[in-house]
N, C-alpha and C. Protein backbone atom coordinates (compact mmCIF):
# COMPACT_ATOMS: atom_id res chain seq x y z
N UNK A 1 50.10 -31.59 -36.29
CA UNK A 1 50.54 -32.18 -35.03
C UNK A 1 51.27 -31.16 -34.18
N UNK A 2 51.67 -30.06 -34.76
CA UNK A 2 52.35 -29.05 -33.96
C UNK A 2 53.70 -28.67 -34.53
N UNK A 3 54.29 -27.62 -33.94
CA UNK A 3 55.56 -27.12 -34.40
C UNK A 3 56.65 -28.20 -34.24
N UNK A 4 57.54 -28.25 -35.21
CA UNK A 4 58.64 -29.19 -35.14
C UNK A 4 58.30 -30.60 -35.59
N UNK A 5 57.10 -30.83 -36.12
CA UNK A 5 56.73 -32.16 -36.60
C UNK A 5 56.61 -32.14 -38.11
N UNK A 6 56.64 -33.31 -38.70
CA UNK A 6 56.50 -33.47 -40.13
C UNK A 6 55.20 -34.20 -40.44
N UNK A 7 54.61 -33.90 -41.57
CA UNK A 7 53.43 -34.58 -42.00
C UNK A 7 53.82 -35.97 -42.49
N UNK A 8 53.08 -36.98 -42.10
CA UNK A 8 53.37 -38.34 -42.53
C UNK A 8 52.79 -38.64 -43.90
N UNK A 9 53.01 -39.85 -44.35
CA UNK A 9 52.41 -40.29 -45.61
C UNK A 9 51.92 -41.72 -45.41
N UNK A 10 51.37 -42.31 -46.45
CA UNK A 10 50.85 -43.67 -46.30
C UNK A 10 51.83 -44.74 -46.79
N UNK A 11 53.10 -44.39 -46.88
CA UNK A 11 54.10 -45.35 -47.28
C UNK A 11 54.94 -45.77 -46.08
N UNK A 12 55.67 -46.84 -46.22
CA UNK A 12 56.58 -47.33 -45.17
C UNK A 12 55.81 -47.62 -43.89
N UNK A 13 54.61 -48.16 -43.98
CA UNK A 13 53.77 -48.36 -42.80
C UNK A 13 53.80 -49.76 -42.23
N UNK A 14 54.58 -50.64 -42.79
CA UNK A 14 54.62 -52.01 -42.31
C UNK A 14 55.56 -52.14 -41.12
N UNK A 15 55.00 -52.56 -39.99
CA UNK A 15 55.78 -52.60 -38.74
C UNK A 15 56.12 -54.00 -38.30
N UNK A 16 56.57 -54.09 -37.08
CA UNK A 16 56.99 -55.35 -36.47
C UNK A 16 55.76 -56.24 -36.24
N UNK A 17 55.83 -57.52 -36.40
CA UNK A 17 56.93 -58.33 -36.88
C UNK A 17 56.94 -58.52 -38.39
N UNK A 18 55.97 -57.97 -39.10
CA UNK A 18 55.85 -58.19 -40.55
C UNK A 18 57.02 -57.58 -41.34
N UNK A 19 57.77 -56.68 -40.71
CA UNK A 19 58.87 -56.02 -41.43
C UNK A 19 60.13 -56.87 -41.54
N UNK A 20 60.13 -58.05 -40.92
CA UNK A 20 61.27 -58.94 -41.03
C UNK A 20 61.37 -59.44 -42.46
N UNK A 21 62.56 -59.50 -43.00
CA UNK A 21 62.76 -60.01 -44.35
C UNK A 21 62.26 -61.44 -44.50
N UNK A 22 62.43 -62.26 -43.46
CA UNK A 22 62.04 -63.66 -43.57
C UNK A 22 60.56 -63.88 -43.33
N UNK A 23 59.86 -62.94 -42.71
CA UNK A 23 58.44 -63.08 -42.45
C UNK A 23 57.63 -62.94 -43.75
N UNK A 24 56.49 -63.61 -43.79
CA UNK A 24 55.56 -63.41 -44.90
C UNK A 24 54.59 -62.34 -44.42
N UNK A 25 54.71 -61.13 -44.94
CA UNK A 25 53.79 -60.06 -44.55
C UNK A 25 52.59 -60.07 -45.47
N UNK A 26 51.42 -59.86 -44.88
CA UNK A 26 50.17 -60.06 -45.58
C UNK A 26 49.33 -58.78 -45.61
N UNK A 27 48.95 -58.38 -46.80
CA UNK A 27 48.00 -57.25 -46.97
C UNK A 27 46.58 -57.82 -46.96
N UNK A 28 45.59 -56.97 -46.80
CA UNK A 28 44.20 -57.41 -46.76
C UNK A 28 43.39 -56.78 -47.88
N UNK A 29 42.41 -57.53 -48.35
CA UNK A 29 41.43 -57.02 -49.32
C UNK A 29 40.07 -57.62 -49.01
N UNK A 30 39.02 -57.07 -49.60
CA UNK A 30 37.70 -57.61 -49.38
C UNK A 30 37.54 -58.89 -50.20
N UNK A 31 36.97 -59.92 -49.59
CA UNK A 31 36.81 -61.20 -50.24
C UNK A 31 35.94 -61.08 -51.50
N UNK A 32 36.27 -61.90 -52.45
CA UNK A 32 35.49 -61.94 -53.70
C UNK A 32 34.42 -63.02 -53.59
N UNK A 33 33.26 -62.77 -54.19
CA UNK A 33 32.19 -63.75 -54.16
C UNK A 33 31.31 -63.58 -55.39
N UNK A 34 30.63 -64.66 -55.76
CA UNK A 34 29.74 -64.64 -56.91
C UNK A 34 28.36 -64.16 -56.50
N UNK A 35 27.84 -63.26 -57.32
CA UNK A 35 26.45 -62.80 -57.13
C UNK A 35 25.50 -63.78 -57.81
N UNK A 36 24.23 -63.67 -57.55
CA UNK A 36 23.22 -64.55 -58.13
C UNK A 36 23.21 -64.54 -59.64
N UNK A 37 23.63 -63.42 -60.23
CA UNK A 37 23.63 -63.32 -61.69
C UNK A 37 24.93 -63.86 -62.30
N UNK A 38 25.82 -64.41 -61.47
CA UNK A 38 27.06 -64.99 -61.98
C UNK A 38 28.22 -64.03 -62.04
N UNK A 39 27.99 -62.74 -61.74
CA UNK A 39 29.09 -61.78 -61.78
C UNK A 39 29.86 -61.79 -60.45
N UNK A 40 31.10 -61.37 -60.51
CA UNK A 40 31.98 -61.38 -59.33
C UNK A 40 31.91 -60.01 -58.63
N UNK A 41 31.86 -60.04 -57.32
CA UNK A 41 31.87 -58.81 -56.51
C UNK A 41 33.02 -58.89 -55.51
N UNK A 42 33.40 -57.77 -54.93
CA UNK A 42 34.47 -57.74 -53.94
C UNK A 42 35.84 -57.69 -54.60
N UNK A 43 36.87 -57.84 -53.78
CA UNK A 43 38.24 -57.87 -54.30
C UNK A 43 39.03 -56.60 -54.14
N UNK A 44 38.39 -55.54 -53.66
CA UNK A 44 39.07 -54.25 -53.52
C UNK A 44 40.03 -54.28 -52.32
N UNK A 45 41.08 -53.47 -52.38
CA UNK A 45 42.01 -53.42 -51.24
C UNK A 45 41.32 -52.87 -50.00
N UNK A 46 41.74 -53.35 -48.85
CA UNK A 46 41.21 -52.85 -47.58
C UNK A 46 41.77 -51.46 -47.32
N UNK A 47 40.95 -50.59 -46.77
CA UNK A 47 41.39 -49.23 -46.48
C UNK A 47 42.41 -49.18 -45.35
N UNK A 48 42.44 -50.22 -44.52
CA UNK A 48 43.29 -50.19 -43.33
C UNK A 48 44.64 -50.88 -43.52
N UNK A 49 44.84 -51.59 -44.61
CA UNK A 49 46.05 -52.38 -44.75
C UNK A 49 47.28 -51.48 -44.94
N UNK A 50 48.37 -51.86 -44.35
CA UNK A 50 49.59 -51.04 -44.42
C UNK A 50 50.24 -51.12 -45.80
N UNK A 51 50.89 -50.04 -46.17
CA UNK A 51 51.54 -49.91 -47.47
C UNK A 51 53.06 -49.99 -47.27
N UNK A 52 53.70 -50.67 -48.19
CA UNK A 52 55.17 -50.73 -48.18
C UNK A 52 55.75 -49.60 -49.00
N UNK A 53 57.03 -49.62 -49.23
CA UNK A 53 58.00 -50.62 -48.83
C UNK A 53 58.42 -50.44 -47.38
N UNK A 54 59.43 -51.21 -46.95
CA UNK A 54 60.00 -51.01 -45.64
C UNK A 54 60.85 -49.74 -45.62
N UNK A 55 61.25 -49.30 -44.46
CA UNK A 55 62.09 -48.09 -44.38
C UNK A 55 63.40 -48.22 -45.16
N UNK A 56 63.89 -49.47 -45.31
CA UNK A 56 65.13 -49.67 -46.07
C UNK A 56 64.83 -49.89 -47.56
N UNK A 57 63.59 -49.63 -47.98
CA UNK A 57 63.12 -49.76 -49.34
C UNK A 57 62.99 -51.21 -49.82
N UNK A 58 63.08 -52.20 -48.93
CA UNK A 58 62.80 -53.59 -49.30
C UNK A 58 61.30 -53.69 -49.57
N UNK A 59 60.93 -54.51 -50.54
CA UNK A 59 59.53 -54.64 -50.92
C UNK A 59 58.75 -55.43 -49.85
N UNK A 60 57.70 -54.88 -49.40
CA UNK A 60 56.70 -55.50 -48.53
C UNK A 60 55.39 -54.84 -48.86
N UNK A 61 54.25 -55.41 -48.70
CA UNK A 61 54.01 -56.76 -48.22
C UNK A 61 54.40 -57.81 -49.24
N UNK A 62 54.27 -59.08 -48.87
CA UNK A 62 54.63 -60.18 -49.77
C UNK A 62 53.42 -60.69 -50.56
N UNK A 63 52.25 -60.67 -49.93
CA UNK A 63 51.06 -61.29 -50.51
C UNK A 63 49.82 -60.61 -49.94
N UNK A 64 48.69 -60.75 -50.61
CA UNK A 64 47.42 -60.22 -50.10
C UNK A 64 46.43 -61.37 -49.96
N UNK A 65 45.54 -61.25 -48.99
CA UNK A 65 44.51 -62.27 -48.74
C UNK A 65 43.26 -61.59 -48.18
N UNK A 66 42.11 -62.28 -48.26
CA UNK A 66 40.87 -61.68 -47.74
C UNK A 66 40.99 -61.33 -46.27
N UNK A 67 40.57 -60.12 -45.89
CA UNK A 67 40.67 -59.66 -44.52
C UNK A 67 39.59 -58.69 -44.11
N UNK A 68 38.54 -58.54 -44.94
CA UNK A 68 37.47 -57.59 -44.64
C UNK A 68 36.18 -58.37 -44.40
N UNK A 69 35.58 -58.15 -43.22
CA UNK A 69 34.31 -58.78 -42.86
C UNK A 69 34.36 -60.30 -42.96
N UNK A 70 35.45 -60.88 -42.43
CA UNK A 70 35.63 -62.32 -42.43
C UNK A 70 34.91 -62.91 -41.22
N UNK A 71 34.07 -63.90 -41.44
CA UNK A 71 33.37 -64.55 -40.34
C UNK A 71 34.33 -65.50 -39.67
N UNK A 72 34.47 -65.35 -38.35
CA UNK A 72 35.40 -66.16 -37.59
C UNK A 72 34.80 -66.59 -36.28
N UNK A 73 35.34 -67.65 -35.73
CA UNK A 73 34.90 -68.13 -34.43
C UNK A 73 35.38 -67.22 -33.32
N UNK A 74 34.66 -67.25 -32.23
CA UNK A 74 34.98 -66.44 -31.05
C UNK A 74 35.01 -67.38 -29.84
N UNK A 75 35.92 -67.17 -28.95
CA UNK A 75 35.95 -67.96 -27.72
C UNK A 75 34.62 -67.85 -27.01
N UNK A 76 34.11 -68.97 -26.58
CA UNK A 76 32.83 -68.95 -25.86
C UNK A 76 32.99 -68.35 -24.48
N UNK A 77 34.21 -68.06 -24.08
CA UNK A 77 34.47 -67.47 -22.76
C UNK A 77 34.76 -65.95 -22.83
N UNK A 78 34.76 -65.38 -24.01
CA UNK A 78 35.13 -63.96 -24.14
C UNK A 78 34.10 -63.07 -23.45
N UNK A 79 34.59 -61.93 -22.97
CA UNK A 79 33.69 -60.90 -22.44
C UNK A 79 33.75 -59.65 -23.33
N UNK A 80 34.43 -59.75 -24.48
CA UNK A 80 34.50 -58.64 -25.43
C UNK A 80 33.14 -58.49 -26.14
N UNK A 81 32.85 -57.29 -26.62
CA UNK A 81 31.60 -57.09 -27.32
C UNK A 81 31.77 -57.38 -28.81
N UNK A 82 30.75 -57.93 -29.42
CA UNK A 82 30.73 -58.25 -30.82
C UNK A 82 29.28 -58.47 -31.25
N UNK A 83 29.04 -58.45 -32.53
CA UNK A 83 27.72 -58.75 -33.05
C UNK A 83 27.73 -60.15 -33.64
N UNK A 84 26.93 -61.01 -33.10
CA UNK A 84 26.91 -62.41 -33.55
C UNK A 84 26.39 -62.53 -34.96
N UNK A 85 27.14 -63.25 -35.77
CA UNK A 85 26.71 -63.57 -37.15
C UNK A 85 25.91 -64.86 -37.13
N UNK A 86 26.42 -65.83 -36.43
CA UNK A 86 25.75 -67.10 -36.24
C UNK A 86 26.38 -67.78 -35.02
N UNK A 87 25.81 -68.90 -34.62
CA UNK A 87 26.40 -69.65 -33.50
C UNK A 87 26.09 -71.12 -33.69
N UNK A 88 26.84 -71.94 -32.98
CA UNK A 88 26.67 -73.38 -33.03
C UNK A 88 26.61 -73.87 -31.59
N UNK A 89 25.62 -74.73 -31.30
CA UNK A 89 25.54 -75.35 -30.00
C UNK A 89 26.20 -76.72 -30.07
N UNK A 90 27.09 -76.98 -29.11
CA UNK A 90 27.81 -78.24 -29.08
C UNK A 90 28.09 -78.62 -27.62
N UNK A 91 27.68 -79.81 -27.23
CA UNK A 91 27.90 -80.32 -25.88
C UNK A 91 27.45 -79.33 -24.81
N UNK A 92 26.28 -78.73 -25.01
CA UNK A 92 25.72 -77.86 -23.98
C UNK A 92 26.34 -76.46 -23.93
N UNK A 93 27.16 -76.10 -24.89
CA UNK A 93 27.80 -74.79 -24.91
C UNK A 93 27.53 -74.13 -26.27
N UNK A 94 27.34 -72.82 -26.27
CA UNK A 94 27.11 -72.09 -27.51
C UNK A 94 28.42 -71.45 -27.97
N UNK A 95 28.77 -71.70 -29.22
CA UNK A 95 30.00 -71.16 -29.82
C UNK A 95 29.61 -70.12 -30.87
N UNK A 96 29.92 -68.84 -30.60
CA UNK A 96 29.51 -67.77 -31.52
C UNK A 96 30.53 -67.53 -32.65
N UNK A 97 30.04 -66.93 -33.72
CA UNK A 97 30.84 -66.49 -34.84
C UNK A 97 30.47 -65.03 -35.13
N UNK A 98 31.45 -64.21 -35.52
CA UNK A 98 31.18 -62.81 -35.85
C UNK A 98 32.07 -62.39 -37.01
N UNK A 99 31.77 -61.24 -37.58
CA UNK A 99 32.56 -60.68 -38.68
C UNK A 99 33.66 -59.79 -38.10
N UNK A 100 34.86 -59.96 -38.64
CA UNK A 100 36.00 -59.13 -38.22
C UNK A 100 36.77 -58.68 -39.46
N UNK A 101 37.47 -57.57 -39.32
CA UNK A 101 38.30 -57.07 -40.40
C UNK A 101 39.69 -56.76 -39.86
N UNK A 102 40.69 -57.01 -40.67
CA UNK A 102 42.06 -56.69 -40.30
C UNK A 102 43.04 -57.67 -40.93
N UNK A 103 44.29 -57.30 -40.85
CA UNK A 103 45.29 -58.26 -41.32
C UNK A 103 45.34 -59.43 -40.33
N UNK A 104 44.73 -59.27 -39.17
CA UNK A 104 44.57 -60.39 -38.24
C UNK A 104 43.60 -61.43 -38.79
N UNK A 105 42.89 -61.09 -39.84
CA UNK A 105 42.02 -62.04 -40.54
C UNK A 105 42.70 -62.55 -41.82
N UNK A 106 43.44 -61.70 -42.52
CA UNK A 106 44.08 -62.14 -43.77
C UNK A 106 45.32 -62.98 -43.50
N UNK A 107 46.04 -62.71 -42.43
CA UNK A 107 47.24 -63.48 -42.11
C UNK A 107 46.94 -64.95 -41.85
N UNK A 108 45.87 -65.30 -41.09
CA UNK A 108 45.55 -66.72 -40.91
C UNK A 108 45.20 -67.43 -42.21
N UNK A 109 44.64 -66.70 -43.18
CA UNK A 109 44.36 -67.32 -44.49
C UNK A 109 45.68 -67.79 -45.09
N UNK A 110 46.70 -66.93 -45.07
CA UNK A 110 47.99 -67.29 -45.62
C UNK A 110 48.65 -68.39 -44.79
N UNK A 111 48.49 -68.34 -43.47
CA UNK A 111 49.03 -69.40 -42.62
C UNK A 111 48.41 -70.75 -42.98
N UNK A 112 47.13 -70.75 -43.31
CA UNK A 112 46.46 -71.97 -43.76
C UNK A 112 47.03 -72.47 -45.07
N UNK A 113 47.33 -71.54 -45.99
CA UNK A 113 47.94 -71.93 -47.26
C UNK A 113 49.34 -72.51 -47.00
N UNK A 114 50.09 -71.91 -46.09
CA UNK A 114 51.41 -72.46 -45.72
C UNK A 114 51.25 -73.89 -45.22
N UNK A 115 50.25 -74.13 -44.38
CA UNK A 115 50.03 -75.48 -43.86
C UNK A 115 49.73 -76.45 -44.98
N UNK A 116 48.93 -76.03 -45.95
CA UNK A 116 48.62 -76.90 -47.10
C UNK A 116 49.87 -77.18 -47.93
N UNK A 117 50.70 -76.15 -48.14
CA UNK A 117 51.94 -76.33 -48.87
C UNK A 117 52.84 -77.35 -48.17
N UNK A 118 52.99 -77.19 -46.88
CA UNK A 118 53.86 -78.10 -46.13
C UNK A 118 53.26 -79.51 -46.02
N UNK A 119 51.96 -79.62 -46.08
CA UNK A 119 51.33 -80.94 -46.11
C UNK A 119 51.64 -81.61 -47.45
N UNK A 120 51.67 -80.83 -48.53
CA UNK A 120 51.99 -81.36 -49.85
C UNK A 120 53.46 -81.72 -49.98
N UNK A 121 54.33 -80.97 -49.29
CA UNK A 121 55.78 -81.22 -49.38
C UNK A 121 56.44 -80.76 -48.10
N UNK A 122 56.61 -81.69 -47.18
CA UNK A 122 57.17 -81.37 -45.87
C UNK A 122 58.64 -81.03 -45.88
N UNK A 123 59.31 -81.18 -47.03
CA UNK A 123 60.75 -80.96 -47.10
C UNK A 123 61.13 -79.56 -47.53
N UNK A 124 60.14 -78.70 -47.73
CA UNK A 124 60.41 -77.33 -48.15
C UNK A 124 60.92 -76.50 -46.98
N UNK A 125 61.85 -75.60 -47.26
CA UNK A 125 62.32 -74.65 -46.25
C UNK A 125 61.33 -73.48 -46.13
N UNK A 126 61.47 -72.70 -45.10
CA UNK A 126 60.61 -71.53 -44.95
C UNK A 126 60.76 -70.59 -46.13
N UNK A 127 61.99 -70.40 -46.60
CA UNK A 127 62.24 -69.51 -47.75
C UNK A 127 61.59 -70.07 -49.01
N UNK A 128 61.60 -71.38 -49.19
CA UNK A 128 60.96 -71.98 -50.37
C UNK A 128 59.45 -71.83 -50.31
N UNK A 129 58.87 -71.98 -49.14
CA UNK A 129 57.42 -71.79 -48.98
C UNK A 129 57.05 -70.36 -49.35
N UNK A 130 57.79 -69.40 -48.84
CA UNK A 130 57.53 -67.99 -49.14
C UNK A 130 57.64 -67.74 -50.64
N UNK A 131 58.64 -68.30 -51.26
CA UNK A 131 58.84 -68.12 -52.70
C UNK A 131 57.67 -68.73 -53.50
N UNK A 132 57.20 -69.89 -53.09
CA UNK A 132 56.06 -70.52 -53.75
C UNK A 132 54.83 -69.63 -53.66
N UNK A 133 54.60 -69.07 -52.49
CA UNK A 133 53.44 -68.17 -52.31
C UNK A 133 53.54 -66.98 -53.23
N UNK A 134 54.73 -66.41 -53.35
CA UNK A 134 54.92 -65.25 -54.22
C UNK A 134 54.81 -65.62 -55.71
N UNK A 135 55.41 -66.76 -56.08
CA UNK A 135 55.39 -67.18 -57.49
C UNK A 135 54.00 -67.51 -58.00
N UNK A 136 53.15 -68.00 -57.11
CA UNK A 136 51.82 -68.45 -57.53
C UNK A 136 50.73 -67.41 -57.28
N UNK A 137 51.09 -66.24 -56.79
CA UNK A 137 50.11 -65.20 -56.54
C UNK A 137 49.38 -64.84 -57.83
N UNK A 138 48.14 -64.44 -57.70
CA UNK A 138 47.36 -64.09 -58.87
C UNK A 138 47.11 -62.59 -58.96
N UNK A 139 46.87 -62.16 -60.16
CA UNK A 139 46.53 -60.76 -60.45
C UNK A 139 45.07 -60.69 -60.87
N UNK A 140 44.47 -59.53 -60.71
CA UNK A 140 43.11 -59.31 -61.21
C UNK A 140 42.94 -57.83 -61.56
N UNK A 141 41.71 -57.41 -61.77
CA UNK A 141 41.49 -56.02 -62.17
C UNK A 141 41.84 -55.04 -61.07
N UNK A 142 41.82 -55.46 -59.83
CA UNK A 142 42.22 -54.56 -58.73
C UNK A 142 43.74 -54.45 -58.60
N UNK A 143 44.43 -55.56 -58.69
CA UNK A 143 45.89 -55.53 -58.54
C UNK A 143 46.56 -54.93 -59.77
N UNK A 144 45.92 -55.09 -60.93
CA UNK A 144 46.59 -54.74 -62.18
C UNK A 144 47.77 -55.69 -62.39
N UNK A 145 48.62 -55.33 -63.29
CA UNK A 145 49.81 -56.14 -63.55
C UNK A 145 50.85 -55.82 -62.48
N UNK A 146 51.22 -56.82 -61.74
CA UNK A 146 52.20 -56.65 -60.65
C UNK A 146 53.62 -56.68 -61.26
N UNK A 147 54.45 -55.70 -60.98
CA UNK A 147 55.84 -55.74 -61.46
C UNK A 147 56.58 -56.94 -60.88
N UNK A 148 57.61 -57.40 -61.55
CA UNK A 148 58.36 -58.56 -61.06
C UNK A 148 58.99 -58.29 -59.69
N UNK A 149 59.21 -57.02 -59.36
CA UNK A 149 59.77 -56.66 -58.06
C UNK A 149 58.70 -56.54 -56.97
N UNK A 150 57.43 -56.75 -57.32
CA UNK A 150 56.35 -56.65 -56.33
C UNK A 150 55.70 -55.28 -56.32
N UNK A 151 54.66 -55.17 -55.53
CA UNK A 151 53.85 -53.93 -55.45
C UNK A 151 53.70 -53.54 -53.99
N UNK A 152 53.79 -52.25 -53.70
CA UNK A 152 53.75 -51.80 -52.30
C UNK A 152 52.39 -51.96 -51.64
N UNK A 153 51.35 -52.25 -52.38
CA UNK A 153 50.02 -52.49 -51.78
C UNK A 153 49.66 -53.97 -51.83
N UNK A 154 50.02 -54.67 -52.90
CA UNK A 154 49.60 -56.03 -53.13
C UNK A 154 50.71 -57.07 -52.94
N UNK A 155 51.94 -56.64 -52.73
CA UNK A 155 53.02 -57.61 -52.71
C UNK A 155 53.18 -58.20 -54.11
N UNK A 156 53.15 -59.55 -54.20
CA UNK A 156 53.23 -60.19 -55.49
C UNK A 156 51.86 -60.60 -56.00
N UNK A 157 50.79 -60.15 -55.29
CA UNK A 157 49.43 -60.42 -55.75
C UNK A 157 48.60 -61.05 -54.67
N UNK A 158 47.49 -61.63 -55.09
CA UNK A 158 46.54 -62.30 -54.18
C UNK A 158 46.91 -63.77 -54.05
N UNK A 159 46.85 -64.26 -52.83
CA UNK A 159 47.25 -65.65 -52.56
C UNK A 159 46.37 -66.62 -53.37
N UNK A 160 47.01 -67.66 -53.90
CA UNK A 160 46.35 -68.66 -54.72
C UNK A 160 46.71 -70.02 -54.14
N UNK A 161 45.86 -70.54 -53.24
CA UNK A 161 46.15 -71.76 -52.53
C UNK A 161 46.34 -72.94 -53.46
N UNK A 162 45.45 -73.09 -54.43
CA UNK A 162 45.51 -74.23 -55.35
C UNK A 162 46.85 -74.25 -56.12
N UNK A 163 47.18 -73.11 -56.70
CA UNK A 163 48.44 -73.06 -57.48
C UNK A 163 49.65 -73.27 -56.59
N UNK A 164 49.60 -72.76 -55.36
CA UNK A 164 50.73 -72.94 -54.42
C UNK A 164 50.92 -74.40 -54.07
N UNK A 165 49.84 -75.11 -53.79
CA UNK A 165 49.95 -76.53 -53.45
C UNK A 165 50.43 -77.32 -54.68
N UNK A 166 49.94 -76.99 -55.84
CA UNK A 166 50.37 -77.68 -57.05
C UNK A 166 51.86 -77.50 -57.26
N UNK A 167 52.37 -76.30 -57.06
CA UNK A 167 53.81 -76.06 -57.24
C UNK A 167 54.62 -76.78 -56.16
N UNK A 168 54.08 -76.85 -54.94
CA UNK A 168 54.79 -77.53 -53.84
C UNK A 168 54.93 -79.03 -54.12
N UNK A 169 53.94 -79.60 -54.79
CA UNK A 169 53.99 -81.02 -55.13
C UNK A 169 55.14 -81.31 -56.08
């Protein structure tokens, strides 16, 4: 970068607003799916997801969720370019869907899990919801065994909606 600069690294990369202690920060990985032969594919960490910890060495991210090549709806009024995956016609208007990657795809997955948790138990505080998500996270061959203090790439593991709702009940 030039004289007087330092080389960066891939740590401490989680920025605003995910760096808030109270926020649930979400890492991304490629979704897992079953192949025709019954074996599981996918599950690897996304190359673009930010690595923790925070600058103050607090552990982040908190959880990981699918965020690579996620099929999502697109506003029928957008003028942005995209490659259509599929579309649905409804009331004389075509609604397109396309594949996107980013924590902008994995974060809504976790937001949906939060909604399910709160539907199961509306009396939980934000801190309790976050703790449930962390306590019920799952490990696999990609995450390895997550330390009790969390992991700078995976947080406390991969989000597990079913286990989280069960614990919220």
